[in-house]
C-alpha atoms as a PDB file:
ATOM      1  CA  UNK A   1      17.348 -25.455  -7.490  1.00  0.00           C
ATOM      2  CA  UNK A   2      20.862 -24.229  -8.350  1.00  0.00           C
ATOM      3  CA  UNK A   3      24.113 -25.929  -7.467  1.00  0.00           C
ATOM      4  CA  UNK A   4      25.497 -22.686  -6.044  1.00  0.00           C
ATOM      5  CA  UNK A   5      23.732 -22.000  -2.747  1.00  0.00           C
ATOM      6  CA  UNK A   6      24.218 -18.236  -3.089  1.00  0.00           C
ATOM      7  CA  UNK A   7      22.632 -18.156  -6.551  1.00  0.00           C
ATOM      8  CA  UNK A   8      19.748 -20.113  -5.047  1.00  0.00           C
ATOM      9  CA  UNK A   9      19.354 -17.468  -2.298  1.00  0.00           C
ATOM     10  CA  UNK A  10      19.268 -14.664  -4.883  1.00  0.00           C
ATOM     11  CA  UNK A  11      16.682 -16.363  -7.103  1.00  0.00           C
ATOM     12  CA  UNK A  12      14.552 -17.398  -4.124  1.00  0.00           C
ATOM     13  CA  UNK A  13      14.648 -13.901  -2.604  1.00  0.00           C
ATOM     14  CA  UNK A  14      13.604 -12.264  -5.872  1.00  0.00           C
ATOM     15  CA  UNK A  15      10.815 -14.824  -6.315  1.00  0.00           C
ATOM     16  CA  UNK A  16       9.469 -14.247  -2.797  1.00  0.00           C
ATOM     17  CA  UNK A  17       9.661 -10.469  -3.259  1.00  0.00           C
ATOM     18  CA  UNK A  18       7.640 -10.591  -6.477  1.00  0.00           C
ATOM     19  CA  UNK A  19       5.150 -13.041  -4.960  1.00  0.00           C
ATOM     20  CA  UNK A  20       4.554 -10.842  -1.888  1.00  0.00           C
ATOM     21  CA  UNK A  21       3.985  -7.723  -4.015  1.00  0.00           C
ATOM     22  CA  UNK A  22       1.502  -9.538  -6.248  1.00  0.00           C
ATOM     23  CA  UNK A  23      -0.260 -11.160  -3.278  1.00  0.00           C
ATOM     24  CA  UNK A  24      -0.621  -7.843  -1.421  1.00  0.00           C
ATOM     25  CA  UNK A  25      -1.914  -6.141  -4.558  1.00  0.00           C
ATOM     26  CA  UNK A  26      -4.429  -8.895  -5.289  1.00  0.00           C
ATOM     27  CA  UNK A  27      -5.592  -9.118  -1.673  1.00  0.00           C
ATOM     28  CA  UNK A  28      -6.554  -5.459  -1.858  1.00  0.00           C
ATOM     29  CA  UNK A  29      -4.419  -3.819   0.764  1.00  0.00           C
ATOM     30  CA  UNK A  30      -4.804  -0.086   0.830  1.00  0.00           C
ATOM     31  CA  UNK A  31      -2.320   1.139   3.353  1.00  0.00           C
ATOM     32  CA  UNK A  32       0.789  -0.197   5.001  1.00  0.00           C
ATOM     33  CA  UNK A  33       1.914   2.980   6.748  1.00  0.00           C
ATOM     34  CA  UNK A  34      -0.468   2.385   9.649  1.00  0.00           C
ATOM     35  CA  UNK A  35      -1.093  -1.206  10.569  1.00  0.00           C
ATOM     36  CA  UNK A  36      -3.754  -2.750  12.730  1.00  0.00           C
ATOM     37  CA  UNK A  37      -2.836  -5.576  15.103  1.00  0.00           C
ATOM     38  CA  UNK A  38      -4.196  -8.099  12.603  1.00  0.00           C
ATOM     39  CA  UNK A  39      -2.071  -6.596   9.798  1.00  0.00           C
ATOM     40  CA  UNK A  40       1.057  -6.646  11.959  1.00  0.00           C
ATOM     41  CA  UNK A  41       0.562 -10.289  12.951  1.00  0.00           C
ATOM     42  CA  UNK A  42      -0.084 -11.179   9.311  1.00  0.00           C
ATOM     43  CA  UNK A  43       3.139  -9.506   8.141  1.00  0.00           C
ATOM     44  CA  UNK A  44       5.168 -11.170  10.899  1.00  0.00           C
ATOM     45  CA  UNK A  45       3.764 -14.583  10.013  1.00  0.00           C
ATOM     46  CA  UNK A  46       4.363 -14.065   6.293  1.00  0.00           C
ATOM     47  CA  UNK A  47       7.962 -13.002   6.903  1.00  0.00           C
ATOM     48  CA  UNK A  48       8.542 -16.071   9.052  1.00  0.00           C
ATOM     49  CA  UNK A  49       6.875 -18.345   6.481  1.00  0.00           C
ATOM     50  CA  UNK A  50       8.997 -17.125   3.569  1.00  0.00           C
ATOM     51  CA  UNK A  51      12.322 -16.844   5.408  1.00  0.00           C
ATOM     52  CA  UNK A  52      13.266 -20.470   4.803  1.00  0.00           C
ATOM     53  CA  UNK A  53      12.135 -20.214   1.191  1.00  0.00           C
ATOM     54  CA  UNK A  54      14.725 -17.476   0.656  1.00  0.00           C
ATOM     55  CA  UNK A  55      17.755 -18.862   2.476  1.00  0.00           C
ATOM     56  CA  UNK A  56      16.965 -22.574   2.675  1.00  0.00           C
ATOM     57  CA  UNK A  57      19.353 -24.447   4.920  1.00  0.00           C
ATOM     58  CA  UNK A  58      21.914 -21.624   4.812  1.00  0.00           C
ATOM     59  CA  UNK A  59      21.636 -19.911   8.182  1.00  0.00           C
ATOM     60  CA  UNK A  60      24.979 -18.148   7.880  1.00  0.00           C
ATOM     61  CA  UNK A  61      25.430 -14.397   8.215  1.00  0.00           C
ATOM     62  CA  UNK A  62      26.534 -14.266   4.574  1.00  0.00           C
ATOM     63  CA  UNK A  63      23.340 -16.023   3.443  1.00  0.00           C
ATOM     64  CA  UNK A  64      21.126 -13.671   5.446  1.00  0.00           C
ATOM     65  CA  UNK A  65      22.972 -10.579   4.246  1.00  0.00           C
ATOM     66  CA  UNK A  66      22.820 -11.804   0.661  1.00  0.00           C
ATOM     67  CA  UNK A  67      19.047 -12.320   0.928  1.00  0.00           C
ATOM     68  CA  UNK A  68      18.584  -8.876   2.501  1.00  0.00           C
ATOM     69  CA  UNK A  69      20.886  -7.232  -0.041  1.00  0.00           C
ATOM     70  CA  UNK A  70      19.001  -8.904  -2.880  1.00  0.00           C
ATOM     71  CA  UNK A  71      15.681  -7.603  -1.525  1.00  0.00           C
ATOM     72  CA  UNK A  72      17.077  -4.062  -1.229  1.00  0.00           C
ATOM     73  CA  UNK A  73      18.455  -4.236  -4.768  1.00  0.00           C
ATOM     74  CA  UNK A  74      15.225  -5.569  -6.277  1.00  0.00           C
ATOM     75  CA  UNK A  75      13.251  -2.921  -4.374  1.00  0.00           C
ATOM     76  CA  UNK A  76      15.550  -0.191  -5.736  1.00  0.00           C
ATOM     77  CA  UNK A  77      15.164  -1.488  -9.298  1.00  0.00           C
ATOM     78  CA  UNK A  78      11.380  -1.753  -8.926  1.00  0.00           C
ATOM     79  CA  UNK A  79      11.162   1.841  -7.648  1.00  0.00           C
ATOM     80  CA  UNK A  80      13.240   3.025 -10.624  1.00  0.00           C
ATOM     81  CA  UNK A  81      10.979   1.178 -13.064  1.00  0.00           C
ATOM     82  CA  UNK A  82       7.891   2.647 -11.392  1.00  0.00           C
ATOM     83  CA  UNK A  83       9.426   6.127 -11.606  1.00  0.00           C
ATOM     84  CA  UNK A  84      10.254   5.790 -15.296  1.00  0.00           C
ATOM     85  CA  UNK A  85       7.081   3.987 -16.427  1.00  0.00           C
ATOM     86  CA  UNK A  86       3.904   5.528 -15.042  1.00  0.00           C
ATOM     87  CA  UNK A  87       1.660   2.835 -16.533  1.00  0.00           C
ATOM     88  CA  UNK A  88       3.566   0.163 -14.639  1.00  0.00           C
ATOM     89  CA  UNK A  89       3.364   2.249 -11.473  1.00  0.00           C
ATOM     90  CA  UNK A  90      -0.406   2.595 -11.866  1.00  0.00           C
ATOM     91  CA  UNK A  91      -0.721  -1.131 -12.443  1.00  0.00           C
ATOM     92  CA  UNK A  92       1.244  -1.900  -9.295  1.00  0.00           C
ATOM     93  CA  UNK A  93      -0.028   0.844  -6.978  1.00  0.00           C
ATOM     94  CA  UNK A  94      -3.410   1.715  -8.439  1.00  0.00           C
ATOM     95  CA  UNK A  95      -4.774   5.204  -8.940  1.00  0.00           C
ATOM     96  CA  UNK A  96      -6.203   7.865  -6.688  1.00  0.00           C
ATOM     97  CA  UNK A  97      -9.994   7.727  -6.357  1.00  0.00           C
ATOM     98  CA  UNK A  98     -12.127  10.871  -6.237  1.00  0.00           C
ATOM     99  CA  UNK A  99     -14.633  10.550  -3.393  1.00  0.00           C
ATOM    100  CA  UNK A 100     -16.235  13.993  -3.248  1.00  0.00           C
ATOM    101  CA  UNK A 101     -16.480  16.708  -5.886  1.00  0.00           C
ATOM    102  CA  UNK A 102     -18.100  20.080  -5.152  1.00  0.00           C
ATOM    103  CA  UNK A 103     -19.914  18.757  -2.111  1.00  0.00           C
ATOM    104  CA  UNK A 104     -21.337  15.699  -3.856  1.00  0.00           C
ATOM    105  CA  UNK A 105     -20.365  12.246  -2.703  1.00  0.00           C
ATOM    106  CA  UNK A 106     -19.401   9.856  -5.510  1.00  0.00           C
ATOM    107  CA  UNK A 107     -21.093   6.724  -4.172  1.00  0.00           C
ATOM    108  CA  UNK A 108     -19.767   4.517  -6.953  1.00  0.00           C
ATOM    109  CA  UNK A 109     -16.174   5.444  -6.113  1.00  0.00           C
ATOM    110  CA  UNK A 110     -16.913   5.146  -2.399  1.00  0.00           C
ATOM    111  CA  UNK A 111     -18.085   1.595  -3.023  1.00  0.00           C
ATOM    112  CA  UNK A 112     -15.026   0.913  -5.228  1.00  0.00           C
ATOM    113  CA  UNK A 113     -12.785   2.137  -2.399  1.00  0.00           C
ATOM    114  CA  UNK A 114     -14.766   0.054   0.108  1.00  0.00           C
ATOM    115  CA  UNK A 115     -15.367   3.049   2.349  1.00  0.00           C
ATOM    116  CA  UNK A 116     -18.582   3.607   4.259  1.00  0.00           C
ATOM    117  CA  UNK A 117     -20.316   6.976   4.392  1.00  0.00           C
ATOM    118  CA  UNK A 118     -19.489   7.098   8.108  1.00  0.00           C
ATOM    119  CA  UNK A 119     -15.787   6.656   7.324  1.00  0.00           C
ATOM    120  CA  UNK A 120     -15.745   9.433   4.724  1.00  0.00           C
ATOM    121  CA  UNK A 121     -17.691  11.739   7.059  1.00  0.00           C
ATOM    122  CA  UNK A 122     -15.148  11.019   9.801  1.00  0.00           C
ATOM    123  CA  UNK A 123     -12.265  11.718   7.422  1.00  0.00           C
ATOM    124  CA  UNK A 124     -13.855  15.010   6.350  1.00  0.00           C
ATOM    125  CA  UNK A 125     -14.239  16.071   9.995  1.00  0.00           C
ATOM    126  CA  UNK A 126     -10.610  15.096  10.682  1.00  0.00           C
ATOM    127  CA  UNK A 127      -9.688  17.635   8.005  1.00  0.00           C
ATOM    128  CA  UNK A 128     -11.588  20.367   9.812  1.00  0.00           C
ATOM    129  CA  UNK A 129     -14.629  20.425   7.535  1.00  0.00           C
ATOM    130  CA  UNK A 130     -17.957  19.874   9.252  1.00  0.00           C
ATOM    131  CA  UNK A 131     -20.044  18.555   6.365  1.00  0.00           C
ATOM    132  CA  UNK A 132     -19.522  16.814   3.038  1.00  0.00           C
ATOM    133  CA  UNK A 133     -21.379  19.604   1.236  1.00  0.00           C
ATOM    134  CA  UNK A 134     -18.549  21.989   2.234  1.00  0.00           C
ATOM    135  CA  UNK A 135     -15.843  19.863   0.575  1.00  0.00           C
ATOM    136  CA  UNK A 136     -14.642  20.953  -2.863  1.00  0.00           C
ATOM    137  CA  UNK A 137     -12.644  17.789  -3.497  1.00  0.00           C
ATOM    138  CA  UNK A 138     -11.754  14.676  -1.507  1.00  0.00           C
ATOM    139  CA  UNK A 139      -9.462  12.029  -2.950  1.00  0.00           C
ATOM    140  CA  UNK A 140      -8.393   8.643  -1.653  1.00  0.00           C
ATOM    141  CA  UNK A 141      -4.684   8.639  -2.508  1.00  0.00           C
ATOM    142  CA  UNK A 142      -2.792   5.516  -3.549  1.00  0.00           C
ATOM    143  CA  UNK A 143      -1.075   5.392  -0.149  1.00  0.00           C
ATOM    144  CA  UNK A 144      -4.407   5.151   1.697  1.00  0.00           C
ATOM    145  CA  UNK A 145      -4.571   8.759   2.844  1.00  0.00           C
ATOM    146  CA  UNK A 146      -7.498  11.016   2.054  1.00  0.00           C
ATOM    147  CA  UNK A 147      -6.739  14.509   0.744  1.00  0.00           C
ATOM    148  CA  UNK A 148      -9.414  17.148   1.229  1.00  0.00           C
ATOM    149  CA  UNK A 149      -9.715  20.542  -0.459  1.00  0.00           C
ATOM    150  CA  UNK A 150     -12.255  22.996   0.916  1.00  0.00           C
ATOM    151  CA  UNK A 151     -12.965  26.716   1.192  1.00  0.00           C
ATOM    152  CA  UNK A 152     -13.027  27.183  -2.607  1.00  0.00           C
ATOM    153  CA  UNK A 153      -9.899  25.043  -2.992  1.00  0.00           C
ATOM    154  CA  UNK A 154      -7.904  27.338  -0.654  1.00  0.00           C
ATOM    155  CA  UNK A 155      -7.723  24.938   2.298  1.00  0.00           C
ATOM    156  CA  UNK A 156      -5.898  21.675   1.564  1.00  0.00           C
ATOM    157  CA  UNK A 157      -5.149  19.009   4.117  1.00  0.00           C
ATOM    158  CA  UNK A 158      -3.875  15.466   4.001  1.00  0.00           C
ATOM    159  CA  UNK A 159      -4.174  13.343   7.086  1.00  0.00           C
ATOM    160  CA  UNK A 160      -3.059   9.817   7.697  1.00  0.00           C
ATOM    161  CA  UNK A 161      -5.793   7.329   8.399  1.00  0.00           C
ATOM    162  CA  UNK A 162      -6.003   6.155  11.996  1.00  0.00           C
ATOM    163  CA  UNK A 163      -4.095   3.013  12.892  1.00  0.00           C
ATOM    164  CA  UNK A 164      -7.219   1.112  13.921  1.00  0.00           C
ATOM    165  CA  UNK A 165      -8.841   1.616  10.524  1.00  0.00           C
ATOM    166  CA  UNK A 166      -8.442  -1.094   7.930  1.00  0.00           C
ATOM    167  CA  UNK A 167      -9.213   0.123   4.447  1.00  0.00           C
ATOM    168  CA  UNK A 168      -9.139  -2.348   1.614  1.00  0.00           C
ATOM    169  CA  UNK A 169      -8.666  -1.238  -1.931  1.00  0.00           C
ATOM    170  CA  UNK A 170     -10.651  -2.799  -4.701  1.00  0.00           C
ATOM    171  CA  UNK A 171      -8.289  -3.310  -7.610  1.00  0.00           C
END
């Protein structure tokens, strides 16, 4: 691509970074903080598949560090842009989805979030609330966690989804 192999590593690394973000967003991932075995294998295979695309024939320490440094830099810049421009952040990460309001399940949003009634009932119980009718507000956050407010909005809890759960987000 470029005559300078290091410029080629930088451009390739940025391209792969952008591609992976877009691909993950389009594929509908909801959470990366807790991976299933399938998710872990997928990420390992993707990283192996794109490694050569970033560094090409350059297997030197300098080439690897340059690729890694480029990824860190692009990630830092992207986080800054997301912080400064909320519309861009919403486009990239999505928005929180209200699942329950005043004890009433929002079935349309549940379907949009691709959550079953059993999954939302389980999440409510994990928050210490026995029934959906006792929940004031439940929200599927952009990071895949479900926040639950109960007891007239006095009891708030946020719990991470279990590692064996795979929740896809409909974008």
